[in-house]
Each structure stands twice: as structure tokens, then as C-alpha cells.
């Protein structure tokens, strides 16, 4: 799963995201979802989330899918 579908992303999920400032370099950040910010069911660049540490970015990979 790549994090483009809102139904696959939920609070408490461990994810890999790309922060806005890291879009050019592609540097990825790991964390746990605290809030889903994208309201649409699908987003081509990834669902935007806020991590527990406050960082905001788009999901590129779901880590602990269940």
C-alpha cells in the first residue's frame, strides 16, 4: 500500500512520509499518525497527515499494515 487511499490510513498507524521541505530531495521521515489532514478519499501524491511529533507530510508507505 502506498498511502494514496484515505481508508488505508488511520490514527496510530506507523507510516513513512515526505515533508514539504524534503520533496525535492526525497528524504523520508518515519512516525505514527496522530491526525489525518486530507479530507478526500484519494490523493495522487499521498494522504496528508500529522505525526505524533507534530510534523506534517504526505504518506508514501504504510509500515504496519494490518
N, C-alpha and C. Protein backbone atom coordinates (compact mmCIF):
# COMPACT_ATOMS: atom_id res chain seq x y z
N UNK A 1 0.84 -1.18 0.00
CA UNK A 1 0.00 0.00 0.00
C UNK A 1 0.89 1.25 0.00
N UNK A 2 0.42 2.26 -0.70
CA UNK A 2 1.26 3.44 -0.89
C UNK A 2 0.73 4.70 -0.22
N UNK A 3 -0.37 4.64 0.51
CA UNK A 3 -0.85 5.80 1.23
C UNK A 3 -1.66 6.79 0.42
N UNK A 4 -2.15 6.40 -0.74
CA UNK A 4 -2.96 7.31 -1.56
C UNK A 4 -4.44 7.23 -1.21
N UNK A 5 -4.87 6.17 -0.56
CA UNK A 5 -6.28 5.99 -0.19
C UNK A 5 -6.48 6.29 1.29
N UNK A 6 -7.41 7.19 1.58
CA UNK A 6 -7.67 7.61 2.96
C UNK A 6 -8.12 6.44 3.83
N UNK A 7 -8.86 5.49 3.25
CA UNK A 7 -9.37 4.36 4.03
C UNK A 7 -8.25 3.47 4.58
N UNK A 8 -7.06 3.54 4.01
CA UNK A 8 -5.93 2.72 4.45
C UNK A 8 -5.12 3.37 5.56
N UNK A 9 -5.35 4.66 5.80
CA UNK A 9 -4.57 5.43 6.78
C UNK A 9 -5.45 5.69 8.00
N UNK A 10 -4.91 5.44 9.19
CA UNK A 10 -5.69 5.66 10.41
C UNK A 10 -4.78 6.08 11.55
N UNK A 11 -5.38 6.66 12.58
CA UNK A 11 -4.64 7.12 13.75
C UNK A 11 -3.92 5.93 14.41
N UNK A 12 -2.65 6.13 14.75
CA UNK A 12 -1.87 5.07 15.39
C UNK A 12 -1.06 4.23 14.42
N UNK A 13 -1.26 4.42 13.12
CA UNK A 13 -0.54 3.66 12.10
C UNK A 13 0.88 4.20 11.94
N UNK A 14 1.85 3.31 11.85
CA UNK A 14 3.23 3.72 11.59
C UNK A 14 3.38 3.92 10.08
N UNK A 15 3.88 5.08 9.68
CA UNK A 15 3.99 5.41 8.27
C UNK A 15 5.34 6.04 7.94
N UNK A 16 5.61 6.09 6.65
CA UNK A 16 6.77 6.80 6.11
C UNK A 16 6.18 7.96 5.32
N UNK A 17 6.62 9.19 5.61
CA UNK A 17 6.09 10.36 4.92
C UNK A 17 7.22 11.18 4.30
N UNK A 18 6.83 12.07 3.40
CA UNK A 18 7.77 13.06 2.87
C UNK A 18 7.26 14.42 3.30
N UNK A 19 8.09 15.16 4.01
CA UNK A 19 7.75 16.51 4.44
C UNK A 19 7.82 17.45 3.24
N UNK A 20 7.09 18.54 3.28
CA UNK A 20 7.08 19.53 2.19
C UNK A 20 8.51 19.98 1.86
N UNK A 21 9.31 20.27 2.89
CA UNK A 21 10.68 20.76 2.66
C UNK A 21 11.59 19.70 2.05
N UNK A 22 11.20 18.42 2.14
CA UNK A 22 12.03 17.33 1.63
C UNK A 22 11.54 16.76 0.30
N UNK A 23 10.55 17.40 -0.32
CA UNK A 23 10.01 16.87 -1.57
C UNK A 23 11.05 16.78 -2.68
N UNK A 24 11.92 17.75 -2.78
CA UNK A 24 12.95 17.73 -3.83
C UNK A 24 14.00 16.66 -3.59
N UNK A 25 14.42 16.50 -2.33
CA UNK A 25 15.47 15.53 -2.01
C UNK A 25 14.93 14.12 -1.88
N UNK A 26 13.63 13.99 -1.56
CA UNK A 26 13.03 12.67 -1.38
C UNK A 26 13.31 12.05 -0.02
N UNK A 27 13.87 12.83 0.90
CA UNK A 27 14.16 12.34 2.24
C UNK A 27 12.86 11.96 2.94
N UNK A 28 12.83 10.75 3.50
CA UNK A 28 11.62 10.26 4.13
C UNK A 28 11.73 10.32 5.65
N UNK A 29 10.60 10.47 6.31
CA UNK A 29 10.51 10.57 7.76
C UNK A 29 9.54 9.50 8.25
N UNK A 30 9.91 8.82 9.34
CA UNK A 30 9.05 7.79 9.92
C UNK A 30 8.32 8.35 11.13
N UNK A 31 7.10 7.86 11.36
CA UNK A 31 6.37 8.29 12.54
C UNK A 31 5.02 7.61 12.64
N UNK A 32 4.26 8.01 13.66
CA UNK A 32 2.95 7.44 13.91
C UNK A 32 1.90 8.52 13.69
N UNK A 33 0.86 8.19 12.94
CA UNK A 33 -0.19 9.13 12.58
C UNK A 33 -0.97 9.56 13.83
N UNK A 34 -1.11 10.88 14.01
CA UNK A 34 -1.96 11.38 15.09
C UNK A 34 -3.22 12.03 14.53
N UNK A 35 -3.15 12.49 13.26
CA UNK A 35 -4.31 13.16 12.65
C UNK A 35 -4.22 13.05 11.13
N UNK A 36 -5.36 12.80 10.49
CA UNK A 36 -5.42 12.77 9.02
C UNK A 36 -5.92 14.12 8.56
N UNK A 37 -5.16 14.79 7.70
CA UNK A 37 -5.48 16.15 7.28
C UNK A 37 -6.19 16.22 5.93
N UNK A 38 -6.03 15.21 5.09
CA UNK A 38 -6.69 15.18 3.79
C UNK A 38 -8.13 14.71 3.96
N UNK A 39 -9.08 15.45 3.41
CA UNK A 39 -10.48 15.07 3.57
C UNK A 39 -11.00 14.20 2.43
N UNK A 40 -10.36 14.25 1.27
CA UNK A 40 -10.82 13.44 0.14
C UNK A 40 -10.43 11.97 0.32
N UNK A 41 -11.14 11.09 -0.36
CA UNK A 41 -10.92 9.64 -0.24
C UNK A 41 -9.63 9.19 -0.90
N UNK A 42 -9.12 9.97 -1.88
CA UNK A 42 -7.92 9.60 -2.63
C UNK A 42 -7.11 10.85 -2.92
N UNK A 43 -5.79 10.72 -2.85
CA UNK A 43 -4.91 11.82 -3.28
C UNK A 43 -3.72 11.21 -3.99
N UNK A 44 -3.44 11.68 -5.20
CA UNK A 44 -2.41 11.08 -6.05
C UNK A 44 -1.00 11.17 -5.47
N UNK A 45 -0.73 12.20 -4.66
CA UNK A 45 0.61 12.35 -4.07
C UNK A 45 0.69 11.80 -2.65
N UNK A 46 -0.41 11.25 -2.14
CA UNK A 46 -0.42 10.69 -0.80
C UNK A 46 -1.29 11.48 0.15
N UNK A 47 -1.89 10.79 1.09
CA UNK A 47 -2.74 11.41 2.09
C UNK A 47 -1.87 12.24 3.04
N UNK A 48 -2.29 13.47 3.32
CA UNK A 48 -1.53 14.34 4.22
C UNK A 48 -1.91 14.02 5.66
N UNK A 49 -0.89 13.84 6.50
CA UNK A 49 -1.12 13.51 7.91
C UNK A 49 -0.22 14.34 8.82
N UNK A 50 -0.62 14.40 10.09
CA UNK A 50 0.23 14.98 11.13
C UNK A 50 0.70 13.82 11.99
N UNK A 51 2.00 13.75 12.23
CA UNK A 51 2.56 12.70 13.07
C UNK A 51 2.44 13.09 14.54
N UNK A 52 2.66 12.13 15.43
CA UNK A 52 2.59 12.39 16.87
C UNK A 52 3.58 13.46 17.32
N UNK A 53 4.70 13.61 16.60
CA UNK A 53 5.69 14.63 16.97
C UNK A 53 5.38 16.00 16.34
N UNK A 54 4.25 16.10 15.63
CA UNK A 54 3.81 17.38 15.07
C UNK A 54 4.20 17.63 13.63
N UNK A 55 5.05 16.81 13.04
CA UNK A 55 5.46 17.01 11.66
C UNK A 55 4.30 16.66 10.72
N UNK A 56 4.21 17.40 9.60
CA UNK A 56 3.14 17.20 8.62
C UNK A 56 3.75 16.83 7.28
N UNK A 57 3.19 15.82 6.64
CA UNK A 57 3.68 15.41 5.33
C UNK A 57 2.72 14.45 4.67
N UNK A 58 3.08 14.01 3.47
CA UNK A 58 2.25 13.08 2.70
C UNK A 58 2.78 11.65 2.85
N UNK A 59 1.85 10.73 3.05
CA UNK A 59 2.19 9.32 3.25
C UNK A 59 2.70 8.72 1.94
N UNK A 60 3.87 8.07 2.01
CA UNK A 60 4.40 7.36 0.84
C UNK A 60 4.41 5.85 1.07
N UNK A 61 4.36 5.43 2.34
CA UNK A 61 4.38 3.99 2.63
C UNK A 61 3.75 3.73 3.99
N UNK A 62 2.95 2.66 4.05
CA UNK A 62 2.36 2.22 5.31
C UNK A 62 3.26 1.14 5.87
N UNK A 63 3.66 1.28 7.13
CA UNK A 63 4.66 0.37 7.70
C UNK A 63 4.06 -0.86 8.38
N UNK A 64 3.04 -0.69 9.21
CA UNK A 64 2.49 -1.82 9.95
C UNK A 64 1.05 -2.09 9.56
N UNK A 65 0.87 -2.48 8.31
CA UNK A 65 -0.47 -2.76 7.80
C UNK A 65 -1.05 -3.95 8.51
N UNK A 66 -2.34 -3.84 8.85
CA UNK A 66 -2.99 -4.97 9.49
C UNK A 66 -4.33 -5.27 8.87
